[in-house]
Amino acid sequence: MSRINAPSRRRAALITACAVIAAAGGTAAALTTPAGAAAPGCTVDYKVTNQWNTGFGAAVTVTNTGDAVSSWKLEWSYAGNQKVTQGWNADITQAGSAVTAKNVSHNGTLATGASTGFGFNASYSGSNAVPTVFKLNGVTCNGGPGGPTDPPGPTDPPGGRVDNPYAGAKVYVNPEWSAKAAAEPGGSRIAGQPTGVWLDRTAAIAGANGSMGLRAHLDEALRQKGTGELVVQLVIYNLPGRDCAALASNGELGPAEIDKYKTQYIDPIAAILADPKYAGLRIVNTVEIDSLPNLVTNTTPRPTATPNCDTMKANGNYVKGVGYALNKLGALPSVYNYVDAGHHGWLGWDDNFGASAELFKQAATAEGSSLAKVHGFIVNTANYSALKEEHFTIDDSVNGVSVRQSKWVDWNRYTDELSYAQAMRAKLVSLGFDSGLGMLIDTSRNGWGGTARPTAPGARTSVDTYVDGGRYDRRIHLGNWCNQSGAGLGERPRTAPAAGIDAYVWIKPPGESDGSSKAIPNNEGKGFDRMCDPTYTGNPRNNNNMSGALPNAPLSGHWFSAQFQELMKNAHPAL
């Protein structure tokens, strides 16, 4: 499927960078904003995100419920011997047991109702008691003396949903993918990992060509569930005029067939999910990857515009289709909708980031839907962007030249998926989405391990040698998206791995092709995209670079043994 890079050299007016916001996970003190709070006022959510024998990581969210502030200082004290050793998105100092966290340059302004967040690592021994009193600019938060007095509201959203569907739950292992993985040499090492079930055409609902249909998957999920909780990951992926800027993952519905999308695709899925026998499953939907971001970056007057994307923007059927899916599926109490939010190498530029967030809100409120029917967003779906670049940051410079000016970063605001996901979350919350919004990151193919993985920053000869020598993502260009050579399995699926992140997931099943290397006749509506051809020299969306694609690839979604073997070989963490 298409993973289109933004036009190069973004120079539009800057958007204020959004700070990290903590989300679901090991909640130590989760409080909602009290009703009727008078200025000044504040709430603080302090969460231990991971812990080991001698240390722990924590994420802190601060919500300003009083008058707007232009800078902030948060203070608390530890009852034990906890010592902060490293922090991010705040200037953190400690004197004895007293800790002070001050805003940094990009997150000092907090409007009424706005939230910001930061994280840190710390050492400890013995017990690790959670602080109980926090003060923001001298005001006691969370209903303490001098602060709001109303009691906190319920922590779970309406409809019986939990804050993080992955918390305390197993995740469904697709037996069809698992069997293919296990049949590969060495594949048994990952054959038990959970992956997404792709409903990429109407026939997939009932089951096509001998494959399991949706009911068969849900029945198997009930078997795997046993007496505990279980998440089933579905990909809702069949919009009219699908993937308007690519060909490899075009769909079965024409640009105008919105009614067929509603009545023959979404409605039957909703009817099956509404069956009472499946009420005990947690259904996580990844909703229509590729669609909304294409309306931002690949429409007129952008140089990367395509006629198909102009058509879809004009007829509104992407927005209508996403809104209808969110409304229909989100009405079911067992369903958790996560909308596709592209990736940092697509929407991380100043003139893409805010416009995309606004469009997400528009779609989330279309066709009778509401923001409440969006549980979160997912980034990097079926893509290759590195989770966390550790050898350089967006704030680095070489010989006075910013990392943003390197050919690789190309004026982007973000260097990796984790920072992008956290910032997008903050932006969406500021637009009115729920403060408990969770993010997912697809880590199925962004490990970039193996012998080519850098172990240190690049030479400081120039900003390009510095970035290129140290970056984990070894693609030729960020806009390359098809069957990338050298890629590896990324972080294994896990719950609440970082602030604001509900889970790392493998939505794209490793080993399934992104598209064929040459034209292959088929009855699945899938065309041939030159970005999947290893001899292709590129287009404006990848700044006219080589495609970096593997040779001899089959149709998108079909099993690609050579790619699967390479993904295992280059896995990071290693298998």
Protein backbone atom coordinates (compact mmCIF):
# COMPACT_ATOMS: atom_id res chain seq x y z
CA MET A 1 0.00 0.00 0.00
CA SER A 2 0.96 3.59 -0.48
CA ARG A 3 3.15 5.31 2.05
CA ILE A 4 3.73 8.60 0.29
CA ASN A 5 6.38 11.00 1.47
CA ALA A 6 5.54 14.69 1.70
CA PRO A 7 6.89 17.12 -0.89
CA SER A 8 10.49 17.96 -0.11
CA ARG A 9 11.83 21.10 1.57
CA ARG A 10 8.94 22.21 3.75
CA ARG A 11 9.25 25.95 4.50
CA ALA A 12 5.73 26.93 5.52
CA ALA A 13 4.97 28.77 8.73
CA LEU A 14 5.96 26.76 11.77
CA ILE A 15 3.42 24.98 13.90
CA THR A 16 4.19 24.96 17.60
CA ALA A 17 5.60 21.54 18.43
CA CYS A 18 3.32 19.58 20.72
CA ALA A 19 4.62 17.89 23.83
CA VAL A 20 4.35 14.28 24.86
CA ILE A 21 1.16 13.30 26.64
CA ALA A 22 0.96 10.23 28.85
CA ALA A 23 -1.66 7.65 28.06
CA ALA A 24 -2.92 4.32 29.21
CA GLY A 25 -0.61 1.93 30.95
CA GLY A 26 0.39 1.18 34.52
CA THR A 27 -1.67 3.97 36.00
CA ALA A 28 -0.50 5.14 39.38
CA ALA A 29 -2.80 8.14 39.73
CA ALA A 30 -5.25 8.70 36.91
CA LEU A 31 -7.64 11.54 37.53
CA THR A 32 -10.11 13.22 35.20
CA THR A 33 -10.54 16.97 35.12
CA PRO A 34 -12.97 17.97 37.92
CA ALA A 35 -16.14 19.72 36.92
CA GLY A 36 -16.55 23.36 37.77
CA ALA A 37 -12.86 23.98 38.45
CA ALA A 38 -12.04 27.63 39.04
CA ALA A 39 -8.78 29.29 38.06
CA PRO A 40 -6.17 28.39 39.06
CA GLY A 41 -6.52 24.62 38.79
CA CYS A 42 -4.74 21.54 37.53
CA THR A 43 -4.74 17.76 37.39
CA VAL A 44 -1.71 15.50 37.22
CA ASP A 45 -1.50 11.93 35.97
CA TYR A 46 1.72 10.21 37.12
CA LYS A 47 2.32 6.76 35.66
CA VAL A 48 5.08 4.22 36.16
CA THR A 49 5.48 2.90 32.61
CA ASN A 50 8.06 0.23 33.39
CA GLN A 51 10.04 -0.87 36.43
CA TRP A 52 13.00 -3.11 37.20
CA ASN A 53 15.05 -3.99 40.28
CA THR A 54 17.02 -0.76 40.48
CA GLY A 55 15.08 1.71 38.38
CA PHE A 56 11.88 2.74 36.65
CA GLY A 57 10.46 4.91 33.91
CA ALA A 58 7.57 7.30 34.41
CA ALA A 59 5.30 9.52 32.33
CA VAL A 60 3.54 12.57 33.70
CA THR A 61 0.61 14.42 32.16
CA VAL A 62 -0.29 17.90 33.37
CA THR A 63 -3.71 19.36 32.53
CA ASN A 64 -4.36 23.04 33.17
CA THR A 65 -7.96 23.46 34.36
CA GLY A 66 -7.49 27.11 35.27
CA ASP A 67 -6.52 30.24 33.37
CA ALA A 68 -4.02 29.99 30.52
CA VAL A 69 -0.34 30.06 31.46
CA SER A 70 2.74 30.88 29.39
CA SER A 71 5.13 28.79 31.49
CA TRP A 72 4.80 26.12 34.16
CA LYS A 73 6.65 24.47 37.01
CA LEU A 74 5.51 21.18 38.53
CA GLU A 75 6.75 20.12 41.97
CA TRP A 76 6.47 16.91 44.00
CA SER A 77 8.42 14.96 46.62
CA TYR A 78 9.29 11.29 46.96
CA ALA A 79 8.76 9.31 50.14
CA GLY A 80 11.63 6.97 49.28
CA ASN A 81 15.09 7.27 47.73
CA GLN A 82 13.99 7.74 44.10
CA LYS A 83 16.47 9.78 42.04
CA VAL A 84 15.71 11.13 38.56
CA THR A 85 18.56 10.22 36.21
CA GLN A 86 17.26 11.29 32.80
CA GLY A 87 14.28 13.29 31.56
CA TRP A 88 12.69 14.48 28.33
CA ASN A 89 10.27 17.24 27.37
CA ALA A 90 10.91 19.00 30.70
CA ASP A 91 13.84 20.50 32.59
CA ILE A 92 13.94 18.28 35.68
CA THR A 93 16.03 18.98 38.78
CA GLN A 94 16.07 17.29 42.18
CA ALA A 95 17.20 18.39 45.64
CA GLY A 96 16.94 15.58 48.17
CA SER A 97 13.46 14.13 47.79
CA ALA A 98 12.01 17.27 46.15
CA VAL A 99 11.67 17.24 42.36
CA THR A 100 10.98 20.23 40.11
CA ALA A 101 10.02 19.91 36.44
CA LYS A 102 9.87 23.05 34.32
CA ASN A 103 8.64 23.45 30.77
CA VAL A 104 11.06 23.54 27.88
CA SER A 105 10.89 26.02 25.01
CA HIS A 106 8.17 24.28 23.00
CA ASN A 107 5.62 23.33 25.66
CA GLY A 108 5.37 26.25 28.07
CA THR A 109 2.03 27.60 26.92
CA LEU A 110 -1.00 25.82 28.36
CA ALA A 111 -4.46 27.10 27.46
CA THR A 112 -7.40 26.35 29.72
CA GLY A 113 -8.11 22.63 29.38
CA ALA A 114 -4.84 21.96 27.57
CA SER A 115 -2.50 19.14 28.54
CA THR A 116 1.18 18.54 28.15
CA GLY A 117 3.47 15.78 29.31
CA PHE A 118 6.99 14.67 29.96
CA GLY A 119 8.83 11.53 30.99
CA PHE A 120 11.88 10.44 32.91
CA ASN A 121 13.92 7.52 34.16
CA ALA A 122 14.91 7.19 37.78
CA SER A 123 16.78 4.90 40.16
CA TYR A 124 15.46 3.52 43.44
CA SER A 125 15.85 0.73 45.96
CA GLY A 126 13.30 -0.76 48.31
CA SER A 127 9.81 0.57 47.62
CA ASN A 128 8.75 2.91 44.83
CA ALA A 129 5.78 4.74 46.28
CA VAL A 130 3.90 7.06 43.94
CA PRO A 131 3.89 10.76 44.92
CA THR A 132 0.54 11.97 46.23
CA VAL A 133 0.87 15.76 46.15
CA PHE A 134 1.70 17.81 43.06
CA LYS A 135 1.85 21.60 42.69
CA LEU A 136 1.68 23.45 39.40
CA ASN A 137 2.98 27.00 39.66
CA GLY A 138 2.35 26.75 43.39
CA VAL A 139 -1.22 25.45 43.08
CA THR A 140 -1.98 22.02 44.54
CA CYS A 141 -3.44 19.75 41.87
CA ASN A 142 -5.90 16.84 41.91
CA GLY A 143 -8.33 18.38 44.35
CA GLY A 144 -5.78 19.13 47.08
CA PRO A 145 -5.78 22.24 49.30
CA GLY A 146 -5.92 25.38 47.20
CA GLY A 147 -7.03 23.48 44.09
CA PRO A 148 -10.28 22.14 42.68
CA THR A 149 -12.56 20.52 45.20
CA ASP A 150 -14.94 18.45 43.07
CA PRO A 151 -14.27 14.70 43.11
CA PRO A 152 -12.74 13.06 40.04
CA GLY A 153 -15.08 11.47 37.54
CA PRO A 154 -15.05 7.85 36.38
CA THR A 155 -11.83 6.61 34.83
CA ASP A 156 -13.45 4.38 32.20
CA PRO A 157 -15.15 5.91 29.15
CA PRO A 158 -18.85 5.24 28.57
CA GLY A 159 -20.10 2.08 26.92
CA GLY A 160 -18.15 -0.37 29.05
CA ARG A 161 -14.88 0.15 27.20
CA VAL A 162 -11.60 0.11 29.08
CA ASP A 163 -9.00 2.85 28.77
CA ASN A 164 -6.49 0.62 26.97
CA PRO A 165 -7.96 -2.48 25.30
CA TYR A 166 -4.54 -4.17 25.28
CA ALA A 167 -4.05 -3.86 29.03
CA GLY A 168 -4.45 -7.20 30.77
CA ALA A 169 -5.40 -8.96 27.54
CA LYS A 170 -3.97 -11.51 25.16
CA VAL A 171 -4.02 -10.64 21.46
CA TYR A 172 -5.41 -12.90 18.74
CA VAL A 173 -2.95 -14.99 16.75
CA ASN A 174 -4.19 -15.44 13.19
CA PRO A 175 -3.79 -19.18 12.54
CA GLU A 176 -3.51 -18.69 8.77
CA TRP A 177 -0.57 -16.30 9.07
CA SER A 178 0.92 -18.35 11.88
CA ALA A 179 0.95 -21.48 9.73
CA LYS A 180 2.74 -19.67 6.89
CA ALA A 181 5.31 -18.25 9.29
CA ALA A 182 5.90 -21.62 10.97
CA ALA A 183 6.44 -23.27 7.59
CA GLU A 184 9.42 -21.00 6.91
CA PRO A 185 12.87 -22.05 8.16
CA GLY A 186 13.24 -20.35 11.54
CA GLY A 187 9.71 -18.97 11.35
CA SER A 188 8.55 -20.82 14.46
CA ARG A 189 10.38 -18.16 16.49
CA ILE A 190 7.68 -15.61 15.67
CA ALA A 191 4.74 -17.72 14.47
CA GLY A 192 2.99 -17.15 17.79
CA GLN A 193 2.94 -13.37 17.47
CA PRO A 194 -0.42 -11.57 17.04
CA THR A 195 -1.02 -9.86 13.69
CA GLY A 196 -3.85 -7.96 12.04
CA VAL A 197 -6.69 -9.59 10.10
CA TRP A 198 -7.14 -7.63 6.89
CA LEU A 199 -10.68 -7.18 5.58
CA ASP A 200 -9.43 -5.69 2.32
CA ARG A 201 -12.40 -6.58 0.11
CA THR A 202 -16.01 -7.55 0.54
CA ALA A 203 -15.30 -11.24 -0.10
CA ALA A 204 -12.92 -11.30 2.88
CA ILE A 205 -15.88 -10.91 5.23
CA ALA A 206 -17.27 -14.33 4.34
CA GLY A 207 -13.87 -15.76 3.41
CA ALA A 208 -12.44 -15.87 -0.10
CA ASN A 209 -10.62 -18.68 -1.91
CA GLY A 210 -10.71 -20.99 1.09
CA SER A 211 -9.48 -18.37 3.59
CA MET A 212 -11.11 -17.82 6.94
CA GLY A 213 -13.89 -15.24 7.03
CA LEU A 214 -14.61 -12.78 9.84
CA ARG A 215 -16.88 -15.17 11.77
CA ALA A 216 -14.30 -17.93 11.55
CA HIS A 217 -11.65 -15.62 12.97
CA LEU A 218 -13.95 -14.49 15.79
CA ASP A 219 -14.89 -18.07 16.64
CA GLU A 220 -11.20 -18.97 16.79
CA ALA A 221 -10.64 -15.89 18.94
CA LEU A 222 -13.21 -17.15 21.44
CA ARG A 223 -11.29 -20.41 21.61
CA GLN A 224 -8.01 -18.58 22.21
CA LYS A 225 -9.62 -16.27 24.74
CA GLY A 226 -10.45 -18.85 27.33
CA THR A 227 -11.46 -17.17 30.59
CA GLY A 228 -9.34 -14.05 30.16
CA GLU A 229 -9.52 -10.98 27.95
CA LEU A 230 -8.53 -11.06 24.28
CA VAL A 231 -8.03 -8.39 21.61
CA VAL A 232 -8.82 -9.10 17.96
CA GLN A 233 -7.12 -6.72 15.52
CA LEU A 234 -9.07 -6.02 12.33
CA VAL A 235 -8.07 -3.80 9.40
CA ILE A 236 -11.03 -1.98 7.84
CA TYR A 237 -9.68 -1.31 4.37
CA ASN A 238 -11.99 -1.06 1.38
CA LEU A 239 -12.86 2.59 0.72
CA PRO A 240 -14.13 3.59 -2.70
CA GLY A 241 -11.21 4.75 -4.84
CA ARG A 242 -8.81 3.21 -2.31
CA ASP A 243 -5.16 4.29 -2.24
CA CYS A 244 -5.61 7.12 -4.71
CA ALA A 245 -1.87 7.84 -5.00
CA ALA A 246 -0.76 4.26 -5.60
CA LEU A 247 -1.65 1.27 -7.73
CA ALA A 248 -0.40 -1.82 -5.87
CA SER A 249 -3.17 -1.65 -3.28
CA ASN A 250 -6.06 -0.25 -5.29
CA GLY A 251 -9.36 -1.76 -4.19
CA GLU A 252 -12.49 -3.24 -5.68
CA LEU A 253 -14.75 -0.18 -5.36
CA GLY A 254 -14.81 2.70 -7.79
CA PRO A 255 -14.46 6.31 -6.56
CA ALA A 256 -18.24 6.90 -6.51
CA GLU A 257 -19.32 3.62 -4.90
CA ILE A 258 -19.83 4.98 -1.40
CA ASP A 259 -23.26 3.38 -0.99
CA LYS A 260 -21.86 -0.04 -1.84
CA TYR A 261 -19.08 0.54 0.72
CA LYS A 262 -21.70 1.27 3.37
CA THR A 263 -24.27 -1.43 2.63
CA GLN A 264 -22.14 -4.29 1.29
CA TYR A 265 -18.98 -3.82 3.35
CA ILE A 266 -19.36 -1.86 6.61
CA ASP A 267 -22.92 -2.95 7.44
CA PRO A 268 -22.16 -6.70 7.19
CA ILE A 269 -19.03 -6.29 9.34
CA ALA A 270 -21.03 -4.38 11.94
CA ALA A 271 -23.75 -7.04 11.95
CA ILE A 272 -21.23 -9.79 12.67
CA LEU A 273 -19.46 -7.81 15.39
CA ALA A 274 -22.84 -7.10 17.00
CA ASP A 275 -23.53 -10.82 17.49
CA PRO A 276 -23.89 -11.29 21.28
CA LYS A 277 -21.61 -14.34 21.21
CA TYR A 278 -18.67 -12.01 20.44
CA ALA A 279 -19.52 -9.38 23.07
CA GLY A 280 -16.71 -10.59 25.33
CA LEU A 281 -14.00 -9.89 22.75
CA ARG A 282 -12.19 -6.58 22.46
CA ILE A 283 -12.30 -5.64 18.77
CA VAL A 284 -9.58 -3.17 17.73
CA ASN A 285 -10.21 -1.70 14.29
CA THR A 286 -7.48 -0.03 12.25
CA VAL A 287 -9.66 2.20 10.10
CA GLU A 288 -8.83 2.86 6.46
CA ILE A 289 -5.10 3.29 6.18
CA ASP A 290 -3.74 5.64 3.50
CA SER A 291 -6.99 7.44 2.87
CA LEU A 292 -7.16 10.74 4.76
CA PRO A 293 -3.43 11.58 4.57
CA ASN A 294 -3.62 11.32 0.77
CA LEU A 295 -6.19 14.13 0.76
CA VAL A 296 -3.65 16.40 2.44
CA THR A 297 -0.43 15.66 0.55
CA ASN A 298 -1.46 14.31 -2.86
CA THR A 299 -4.09 16.75 -4.05
CA THR A 300 -3.88 19.96 -6.05
CA PRO A 301 -1.97 22.30 -5.75
CA ARG A 302 0.72 20.02 -4.31
CA PRO A 303 3.41 18.91 -6.80
CA THR A 304 2.67 15.35 -5.70
CA ALA A 305 -1.02 15.60 -6.63
CA THR A 306 -2.68 12.79 -8.58
CA PRO A 307 -5.97 12.99 -10.49
CA ASN A 308 -7.38 10.12 -8.43
CA CYS A 309 -6.71 11.92 -5.15
CA ASP A 310 -8.23 15.13 -6.52
CA THR A 311 -11.33 13.11 -7.38
CA MET A 312 -11.59 11.65 -3.88
CA LYS A 313 -11.15 15.04 -2.26
CA ALA A 314 -13.81 16.56 -4.50
CA ASN A 315 -16.43 13.83 -3.96
CA GLY A 316 -15.76 13.59 -0.23
CA ASN A 317 -16.10 9.82 -0.17
CA TYR A 318 -12.99 9.20 1.91
CA VAL A 319 -14.32 11.48 4.65
CA LYS A 320 -17.83 10.06 4.32
CA GLY A 321 -16.60 6.48 4.31
CA VAL A 322 -14.36 6.89 7.35
CA GLY A 323 -17.10 8.74 9.22
CA TYR A 324 -19.65 6.05 8.40
CA ALA A 325 -17.31 3.26 9.50
CA LEU A 326 -16.50 5.03 12.77
CA ASN A 327 -20.16 5.71 13.50
CA LYS A 328 -21.46 2.25 12.64
CA LEU A 329 -18.68 0.24 14.25
CA GLY A 330 -18.11 2.64 17.15
CA ALA A 331 -21.69 2.17 18.29
CA LEU A 332 -20.76 -1.34 19.46
CA PRO A 333 -19.45 -1.38 23.05
CA SER A 334 -16.85 -4.06 22.28
CA VAL A 335 -15.24 -2.06 19.45
CA TYR A 336 -12.23 0.26 19.71
CA ASN A 337 -11.62 2.38 16.59
CA TYR A 338 -8.07 3.54 15.78
CA VAL A 339 -7.85 5.80 12.73
CA ASP A 340 -4.81 5.73 10.46
CA ALA A 341 -2.57 8.79 10.94
CA GLY A 342 0.14 8.09 8.37
CA HIS A 343 3.73 8.28 9.60
CA HIS A 344 6.33 10.92 10.36
CA GLY A 345 7.87 10.73 6.89
CA TRP A 346 4.49 11.55 5.39
CA LEU A 347 2.80 14.03 7.71
CA GLY A 348 5.62 15.29 9.93
CA TRP A 349 6.18 18.53 8.01
CA ASP A 350 4.69 21.77 9.28
CA ASP A 351 2.27 22.18 6.39
CA ASN A 352 1.03 18.57 6.66
CA PHE A 353 0.84 17.99 10.42
CA GLY A 354 -1.87 20.42 11.51
CA ALA A 355 -3.89 20.09 8.31
CA SER A 356 -4.00 16.32 8.77
CA ALA A 357 -5.16 16.57 12.37
CA GLU A 358 -7.96 18.93 11.30
CA LEU A 359 -8.99 16.51 8.56
CA PHE A 360 -9.03 13.61 11.03
CA LYS A 361 -11.44 15.60 13.17
CA GLN A 362 -13.63 16.35 10.16
CA ALA A 363 -13.86 12.66 9.26
CA ALA A 364 -14.46 11.66 12.89
CA THR A 365 -17.55 13.88 12.96
CA ALA A 366 -18.91 12.97 9.50
CA GLU A 367 -21.89 10.75 8.71
CA GLY A 368 -23.30 10.96 12.25
CA SER A 369 -20.05 9.98 13.97
CA SER A 370 -18.49 11.81 16.90
CA LEU A 371 -15.06 12.21 18.45
CA ALA A 372 -16.14 9.78 21.17
CA LYS A 373 -16.24 6.98 18.59
CA VAL A 374 -12.49 7.31 18.03
CA HIS A 375 -10.53 5.49 20.71
CA GLY A 376 -7.18 6.37 19.22
CA PHE A 377 -4.96 6.58 16.16
CA ILE A 378 -2.37 4.30 14.59
CA VAL A 379 0.86 5.31 12.85
CA ASN A 380 3.35 3.55 10.60
CA THR A 381 0.83 0.94 9.48
CA ALA A 382 2.55 -1.41 7.03
CA ASN A 383 5.46 1.01 6.82
CA TYR A 384 9.13 1.00 7.73
CA SER A 385 9.86 4.20 9.69
CA ALA A 386 12.18 3.62 12.64
CA LEU A 387 10.55 3.54 16.05
CA LYS A 388 13.23 5.62 17.77
CA GLU A 389 16.35 7.14 16.24
CA GLU A 390 18.89 7.18 19.07
CA HIS A 391 22.00 8.64 17.41
CA PHE A 392 20.58 12.05 16.52
CA THR A 393 17.69 14.30 17.55
CA ILE A 394 15.74 16.98 15.76
CA ASP A 395 17.46 19.60 17.93
CA ASP A 396 21.02 18.59 16.96
CA SER A 397 23.24 20.67 14.71
CA VAL A 398 26.58 20.12 12.95
CA ASN A 399 28.86 23.06 12.31
CA GLY A 400 25.92 25.34 12.95
CA VAL A 401 23.62 23.50 10.51
CA SER A 402 20.43 22.01 11.94
CA VAL A 403 19.62 18.33 11.51
CA ARG A 404 16.40 19.52 9.91
CA GLN A 405 18.45 20.73 6.95
CA SER A 406 19.92 17.28 6.24
CA LYS A 407 18.77 15.56 3.06
CA TRP A 408 17.26 12.73 5.09
CA VAL A 409 15.22 14.81 7.56
CA ASP A 410 14.48 17.45 4.92
CA TRP A 411 12.92 20.04 7.26
CA ASN A 412 10.67 17.51 8.97
CA ARG A 413 9.78 18.13 12.63
CA TYR A 414 10.27 14.51 13.64
CA THR A 415 12.97 11.89 13.24
CA ASP A 416 11.03 8.77 14.17
CA GLU A 417 7.61 7.28 14.82
CA LEU A 418 7.54 7.49 18.61
CA SER A 419 8.08 11.25 18.72
CA TYR A 420 5.63 11.76 15.86
CA ALA A 421 2.92 9.60 17.44
CA GLN A 422 3.20 11.39 20.77
CA ALA A 423 3.09 14.83 19.15
CA MET A 424 0.15 13.92 16.91
CA ARG A 425 -1.69 12.68 19.98
CA ALA A 426 -1.13 16.00 21.74
CA LYS A 427 -2.34 17.91 18.70
CA LEU A 428 -5.50 15.81 18.41
CA VAL A 429 -6.32 16.23 22.09
CA SER A 430 -5.92 19.99 21.68
CA LEU A 431 -8.53 19.83 18.89
CA GLY A 432 -11.09 18.20 21.16
CA PHE A 433 -10.39 14.47 21.03
CA ASP A 434 -10.58 12.71 24.39
CA SER A 435 -7.66 13.32 26.73
CA GLY A 436 -7.37 9.56 27.13
CA LEU A 437 -6.69 9.13 23.40
CA GLY A 438 -4.32 6.22 22.78
CA MET A 439 -1.84 5.64 19.97
CA LEU A 440 -0.69 2.44 18.30
CA ILE A 441 2.58 2.04 16.39
CA ASP A 442 3.00 -0.73 13.82
CA THR A 443 6.46 -2.14 14.50
CA SER A 444 6.17 -5.20 12.27
CA ARG A 445 8.92 -4.11 9.84
CA ASN A 446 10.79 -1.14 11.31
CA GLY A 447 13.53 -2.90 13.29
CA TRP A 448 16.38 -2.23 10.81
CA GLY A 449 18.75 -4.57 12.61
CA GLY A 450 21.46 -6.81 11.26
CA THR A 451 25.02 -5.91 10.36
CA ALA A 452 24.02 -2.60 8.72
CA ARG A 453 22.55 -1.18 11.95
CA PRO A 454 24.67 1.79 13.11
CA THR A 455 26.13 1.65 16.62
CA ALA A 456 27.09 5.33 16.90
CA PRO A 457 26.37 8.71 15.33
CA GLY A 458 27.82 9.44 11.93
CA ALA A 459 30.90 11.56 11.33
CA ARG A 460 30.42 15.26 12.06
CA THR A 461 31.96 16.21 8.72
CA SER A 462 28.59 17.59 7.65
CA VAL A 463 25.02 17.37 8.81
CA ASP A 464 24.40 14.72 6.11
CA THR A 465 27.27 12.46 7.16
CA TYR A 466 26.16 12.84 10.77
CA VAL A 467 22.56 11.82 10.07
CA ASP A 468 23.19 9.22 7.37
CA GLY A 469 25.93 7.51 9.35
CA GLY A 470 23.82 7.21 12.47
CA ARG A 471 20.26 6.60 11.30
CA TYR A 472 18.73 3.16 11.83
CA ASP A 473 16.26 3.55 8.95
CA ARG A 474 18.41 2.48 6.00
CA ARG A 475 15.96 3.25 3.21
CA ILE A 476 17.18 5.28 0.28
CA HIS A 477 14.40 7.80 0.94
CA LEU A 478 11.61 8.19 3.48
CA GLY A 479 9.07 8.09 0.66
CA ASN A 480 9.95 4.49 -0.25
CA TRP A 481 7.21 2.16 0.96
CA CYS A 482 7.19 -1.06 -1.06
CA ASN A 483 8.96 -4.26 0.08
CA GLN A 484 12.00 -2.40 1.33
CA SER A 485 15.36 -4.09 1.03
CA GLY A 486 17.27 -4.45 4.31
CA ALA A 487 14.24 -4.08 6.59
CA GLY A 488 13.83 -6.17 9.72
CA LEU A 489 11.20 -7.12 12.27
CA GLY A 490 10.76 -4.41 14.89
CA GLU A 491 9.74 -4.40 18.53
CA ARG A 492 7.55 -7.35 19.43
CA PRO A 493 3.93 -6.46 20.18
CA ARG A 494 3.56 -5.19 23.75
CA THR A 495 1.25 -3.06 25.84
CA ALA A 496 1.78 0.51 27.06
CA PRO A 497 5.47 0.70 26.07
CA ALA A 498 5.79 4.51 26.20
CA ALA A 499 3.90 7.65 27.17
CA GLY A 500 0.72 8.00 25.13
CA ILE A 501 1.15 4.66 23.37
CA ASP A 502 -1.46 1.96 23.97
CA ALA A 503 0.65 -0.71 22.28
CA TYR A 504 3.26 -1.66 19.74
CA VAL A 505 1.44 -3.90 17.27
CA TRP A 506 2.09 -5.99 14.18
CA ILE A 507 -0.85 -4.90 12.05
CA LYS A 508 0.96 -5.71 8.80
CA PRO A 509 1.66 -9.44 8.93
CA PRO A 510 5.39 -9.88 8.24
CA GLY A 511 5.92 -11.78 5.02
CA GLU A 512 2.91 -10.38 3.17
CA SER A 513 3.96 -8.40 0.10
CA ASP A 514 3.29 -4.68 -0.37
CA GLY A 515 2.90 -5.10 -4.11
CA SER A 516 4.24 -6.98 -7.11
CA SER A 517 7.59 -6.19 -8.71
CA LYS A 518 6.01 -6.42 -12.15
CA ALA A 519 2.51 -6.42 -13.59
CA ILE A 520 0.57 -9.56 -12.64
CA PRO A 521 -2.97 -10.14 -13.95
CA ASN A 522 -5.42 -10.68 -11.08
CA ASN A 523 -9.07 -10.46 -10.08
CA GLU A 524 -8.39 -8.57 -6.82
CA GLY A 525 -8.36 -5.08 -8.31
CA LYS A 526 -4.62 -4.68 -7.61
CA GLY A 527 -2.53 -2.79 -10.12
CA PHE A 528 1.18 -2.57 -10.71
CA ASP A 529 2.96 0.30 -8.97
CA ARG A 530 6.44 1.16 -10.17
CA MET A 531 7.45 1.89 -6.55
CA CYS A 532 7.50 -1.91 -6.17
CA ASP A 533 9.86 -2.29 -9.11
CA PRO A 534 13.51 -2.42 -7.95
CA THR A 535 14.64 -0.80 -11.21
CA TYR A 536 12.36 2.24 -10.82
CA THR A 537 14.15 5.58 -10.51
CA GLY A 538 11.39 7.34 -8.62
CA ASN A 539 8.94 10.23 -8.74
CA PRO A 540 8.31 13.50 -6.86
CA ARG A 541 6.92 11.61 -3.85
CA ASN A 542 10.32 10.02 -3.17
CA ASN A 543 12.30 12.91 -4.61
CA ASN A 544 13.19 10.85 -7.70
CA ASN A 545 15.25 8.23 -5.88
CA MET A 546 15.47 4.51 -6.54
CA SER A 547 12.57 2.57 -5.08
CA GLY A 548 14.66 0.32 -2.82
CA ALA A 549 12.18 -2.52 -3.40
CA LEU A 550 13.02 -6.22 -3.30
CA PRO A 551 12.81 -8.13 -6.60
CA ASN A 552 10.41 -10.95 -7.51
CA ALA A 553 7.60 -9.83 -5.19
CA PRO A 554 4.04 -11.19 -5.58
CA LEU A 555 0.76 -9.22 -5.41
CA SER A 556 0.08 -7.17 -2.31
CA GLY A 557 -1.08 -9.35 0.56
CA HIS A 558 0.38 -12.52 -0.96
CA TRP A 559 3.13 -14.46 0.81
CA PHE A 560 6.66 -13.29 0.04
CA SER A 561 9.10 -15.84 1.44
CA ALA A 562 12.27 -13.93 0.57
CA GLN A 563 11.03 -10.85 2.39
CA PHE A 564 10.03 -12.89 5.43
CA GLN A 565 13.50 -14.39 5.65
CA GLU A 566 15.13 -10.97 5.36
CA LEU A 567 12.85 -9.54 8.05
CA MET A 568 13.91 -12.28 10.46
CA LYS A 569 17.57 -11.86 9.55
CA ASN A 570 17.47 -8.11 10.25
CA ALA A 571 15.19 -8.20 13.28
CA HIS A 572 15.83 -5.74 16.08
CA PRO A 573 15.65 -6.79 18.82
CA ALA A 574 17.28 -9.85 17.26
CA LEU A 575 15.44 -13.15 17.33
